[in-house]
C-alpha cells in the first residue's frame, strides 16, 4: 500500500502532456510504465488548426460566377 492507494502488479499507464520532461521522469523512475497523451493535448491542437484553416479560407470564394 502507498498511502491509501493499493499497488497493482500490472504495468501502470500514466497520462501526460507533451512536455518531454514528464516522459523522461516517468522513464527514469517507472521504467515499466506506459506514458500516453491525454485527450485534451491531442484534440485541442487539432481543433485550433481547424479553426485557423477556417479563418484563412473564410474570404476565399468557392465558386466563380
C-alpha atoms as a PDB file:
ATOM      1  CA  UNK A   1       0.000   0.000   0.000  1.00  0.00           C
ATOM      2  CA  UNK A   2       1.118   3.533  -0.799  1.00  0.00           C
ATOM      3  CA  UNK A   3      -0.916   5.792   1.469  1.00  0.00           C
ATOM      4  CA  UNK A   4      -4.476   4.711   0.805  1.00  0.00           C
ATOM      5  CA  UNK A   5      -3.728   3.502  -2.741  1.00  0.00           C
ATOM      6  CA  UNK A   6      -3.446  -0.177  -3.497  1.00  0.00           C
ATOM      7  CA  UNK A   7      -0.451  -1.044  -5.680  1.00  0.00           C
ATOM      8  CA  UNK A   8      -1.234  -3.382  -8.556  1.00  0.00           C
ATOM      9  CA  UNK A   9       1.287  -5.570 -10.306  1.00  0.00           C
ATOM     10  CA  UNK A  10       0.083  -4.523 -13.769  1.00  0.00           C
ATOM     11  CA  UNK A  11       2.136  -2.079 -15.812  1.00  0.00           C
ATOM     12  CA  UNK A  12       0.855   1.422 -14.988  1.00  0.00           C
ATOM     13  CA  UNK A  13      -0.408   3.757 -17.681  1.00  0.00           C
ATOM     14  CA  UNK A  14       0.182   7.437 -16.945  1.00  0.00           C
ATOM     15  CA  UNK A  15      -1.437  10.319 -18.849  1.00  0.00           C
ATOM     16  CA  UNK A  16       0.983  13.174 -19.568  1.00  0.00           C
ATOM     17  CA  UNK A  17       1.099  16.352 -21.601  1.00  0.00           C
ATOM     18  CA  UNK A  18       3.599  16.623 -24.494  1.00  0.00           C
ATOM     19  CA  UNK A  19       6.355  18.188 -22.318  1.00  0.00           C
ATOM     20  CA  UNK A  20       9.374  15.898 -22.681  1.00  0.00           C
ATOM     21  CA  UNK A  21      10.368  16.347 -19.016  1.00  0.00           C
ATOM     22  CA  UNK A  22       7.343  14.379 -17.828  1.00  0.00           C
ATOM     23  CA  UNK A  23       8.067  11.490 -20.172  1.00  0.00           C
ATOM     24  CA  UNK A  24      11.733  11.472 -19.119  1.00  0.00           C
ATOM     25  CA  UNK A  25      10.800  11.405 -15.421  1.00  0.00           C
ATOM     26  CA  UNK A  26       8.400   8.509 -15.989  1.00  0.00           C
ATOM     27  CA  UNK A  27      11.037   6.611 -17.975  1.00  0.00           C
ATOM     28  CA  UNK A  28      13.675   7.201 -15.285  1.00  0.00           C
ATOM     29  CA  UNK A  29      11.533   6.458 -12.222  1.00  0.00           C
ATOM     30  CA  UNK A  30       8.944   4.000 -13.575  1.00  0.00           C
ATOM     31  CA  UNK A  31      10.644   2.162 -16.435  1.00  0.00           C
ATOM     32  CA  UNK A  32       7.759  -0.306 -16.895  1.00  0.00           C
ATOM     33  CA  UNK A  33       5.117   2.431 -17.084  1.00  0.00           C
ATOM     34  CA  UNK A  34       3.497   3.488 -20.333  1.00  0.00           C
ATOM     35  CA  UNK A  35       3.107   7.247 -20.895  1.00  0.00           C
ATOM     36  CA  UNK A  36       0.105   8.222 -23.021  1.00  0.00           C
ATOM     37  CA  UNK A  37      -1.105  11.639 -24.160  1.00  0.00           C
ATOM     38  CA  UNK A  38      -4.381  12.660 -22.604  1.00  0.00           C
ATOM     39  CA  UNK A  39      -7.235  13.596 -24.926  1.00  0.00           C
ATOM     40  CA  UNK A  40      -7.013  17.330 -24.239  1.00  0.00           C
ATOM     41  CA  UNK A  41      -3.453  17.518 -25.533  1.00  0.00           C
ATOM     42  CA  UNK A  42      -4.369  15.634 -28.698  1.00  0.00           C
ATOM     43  CA  UNK A  43      -7.762  17.131 -29.569  1.00  0.00           C
ATOM     44  CA  UNK A  44      -7.154  20.777 -28.636  1.00  0.00           C
ATOM     45  CA  UNK A  45      -4.311  21.420 -31.160  1.00  0.00           C
ATOM     46  CA  UNK A  46      -6.342  19.699 -33.880  1.00  0.00           C
ATOM     47  CA  UNK A  47      -9.311  21.946 -33.138  1.00  0.00           C
ATOM     48  CA  UNK A  48      -7.054  25.017 -33.142  1.00  0.00           C
ATOM     49  CA  UNK A  49      -5.641  24.034 -36.547  1.00  0.00           C
ATOM     50  CA  UNK A  50      -9.148  23.537 -37.944  1.00  0.00           C
ATOM     51  CA  UNK A  51     -10.248  26.933 -36.653  1.00  0.00           C
ATOM     52  CA  UNK A  52      -7.201  28.599 -38.192  1.00  0.00           C
ATOM     53  CA  UNK A  53      -7.849  26.879 -41.538  1.00  0.00           C
ATOM     54  CA  UNK A  54     -11.446  28.112 -41.461  1.00  0.00           C
ATOM     55  CA  UNK A  55     -10.252  31.658 -40.758  1.00  0.00           C
ATOM     56  CA  UNK A  56      -7.752  31.523 -43.609  1.00  0.00           C
ATOM     57  CA  UNK A  57     -10.355  30.340 -46.103  1.00  0.00           C
ATOM     58  CA  UNK A  58     -13.345  32.386 -44.893  1.00  0.00           C
ATOM     59  CA  UNK A  59     -12.944  35.032 -47.626  1.00  0.00           C
ATOM     60  CA  UNK A  60     -11.964  32.665 -50.429  1.00  0.00           C
ATOM     61  CA  UNK A  61     -14.879  32.170 -52.870  1.00  0.00           C
ATOM     62  CA  UNK A  62     -15.723  28.536 -53.506  1.00  0.00           C
ATOM     63  CA  UNK A  63     -17.144  29.174 -56.970  1.00  0.00           C
ATOM     64  CA  UNK A  64     -16.585  31.908 -59.523  1.00  0.00           C
ATOM     65  CA  UNK A  65     -19.581  33.089 -61.490  1.00  0.00           C
END
